[in-house]
Protein backbone atom coordinates (compact mmCIF):
# COMPACT_ATOMS: atom_id res chain seq x y z
CA MET A 1 -0.02 0.10 -0.01
CA PRO A 2 1.38 3.43 -0.92
CA CYS A 3 2.35 5.93 1.90
CA CYS A 4 2.65 9.49 1.43
CA TRP A 5 5.64 11.31 2.60
CA ARG A 6 3.47 13.19 5.45
CA SER A 7 2.28 9.87 6.86
CA ARG A 8 5.94 8.25 7.03
CA ALA A 9 7.21 11.52 8.54
CA THR A 10 4.39 11.44 11.00
CA CYS A 11 4.97 7.58 11.79
CA SER A 12 8.98 7.84 11.76
CA ARG A 13 9.36 10.33 14.79
CA PRO A 14 8.01 10.26 18.42
CA TRP A 15 5.08 12.74 19.00
CA SER A 16 6.37 15.87 20.73
CA GLY A 17 4.67 19.40 21.93
CA PRO A 18 1.58 20.32 23.82
CA GLY A 19 -0.60 17.69 24.70
CA ALA A 20 1.31 14.95 23.17
CA GLY A 21 0.96 11.51 25.09
CA LEU A 22 -1.54 13.02 27.56
CA GLU A 23 -2.54 10.09 29.61
CA LEU A 24 -6.68 10.06 30.35
CA ARG A 25 -6.53 7.33 32.50
CA ASP A 26 -7.69 8.21 36.30
CA ARG A 27 -7.93 11.99 35.19
CA VAL A 28 -11.23 13.77 36.21
CA ILE A 29 -13.74 14.99 33.91
CA GLY A 30 -16.84 17.43 34.85
CA VAL A 31 -19.90 17.07 32.76
CA ILE A 32 -22.23 19.80 32.89
CA GLY A 33 -25.87 18.51 31.94
CA THR A 34 -26.90 14.69 31.69
CA GLY A 35 -28.90 14.60 28.64
CA ARG A 36 -28.72 12.44 25.61
CA ILE A 37 -25.22 13.95 24.86
CA GLY A 38 -23.93 14.42 28.41
CA LEU A 39 -24.41 10.76 28.94
CA ARG A 40 -22.86 10.06 25.63
CA VAL A 41 -19.40 12.04 26.66
CA ILE A 42 -19.69 10.19 30.17
CA GLU A 43 -19.87 6.30 28.27
CA ILE A 44 -16.58 7.89 26.26
CA ALA A 45 -14.70 9.26 29.06
CA ARG A 46 -15.37 6.11 31.36
CA GLY A 47 -13.94 4.01 28.28
CA PHE A 48 -10.89 5.95 28.71
CA GLY A 49 -10.63 5.01 32.55
CA MET A 50 -11.54 8.68 33.45
CA LYS A 51 -13.52 9.24 36.59
CA VAL A 52 -16.54 11.17 35.81
CA ILE A 53 -18.27 13.77 38.14
CA ALA A 54 -21.37 15.38 36.75
CA TYR A 55 -23.78 18.30 37.36
CA ASP A 56 -27.63 18.44 36.53
CA LEU A 57 -30.28 20.16 37.78
CA HIS A 58 -32.22 16.65 37.90
CA ALA A 59 -29.96 14.05 38.59
CA ASP A 60 -30.41 10.80 37.10
CA GLU A 61 -29.43 8.58 39.69
CA THR A 62 -30.27 5.32 37.50
CA ALA A 63 -27.99 6.53 34.81
CA ALA A 64 -25.11 7.22 37.41
CA SER A 65 -25.25 3.60 38.75
CA ARG A 66 -25.41 2.50 35.39
CA LEU A 67 -22.50 4.36 33.67
CA GLY A 68 -20.61 4.85 37.29
CA PHE A 69 -20.43 8.66 37.76
CA SER A 70 -21.40 10.80 40.32
CA TYR A 71 -23.37 13.97 40.66
CA THR A 72 -21.85 16.96 42.50
CA ASN A 73 -22.66 20.56 42.75
CA PHE A 74 -21.55 23.15 40.11
CA GLU A 75 -18.71 24.56 42.31
CA GLN A 76 -17.23 21.36 43.24
CA LEU A 77 -17.41 20.25 39.84
CA LEU A 78 -15.47 23.03 38.62
CA SER A 79 -12.69 22.67 41.43
CA ASP A 80 -12.69 18.90 41.26
CA SER A 81 -12.17 18.41 36.99
CA ASP A 82 -8.83 18.08 35.76
């Protein structure tokens, strides 16, 4: 399979620069709103091994239990998120 020169250049050297190799496992993500989009973000974040905290005016404890996240207040979410 042909490979363009940019792809070869990218693959031939280690990644460097801001954000290179950032490990998401065990980081804390704060999700504001646990509607359809928020719950999907939570599913993806949990797939990366992240701890998830969420804020919503109407907490869905069933979803929290099923997806493995916890609700907190807005101020705590801002201070605890990475």
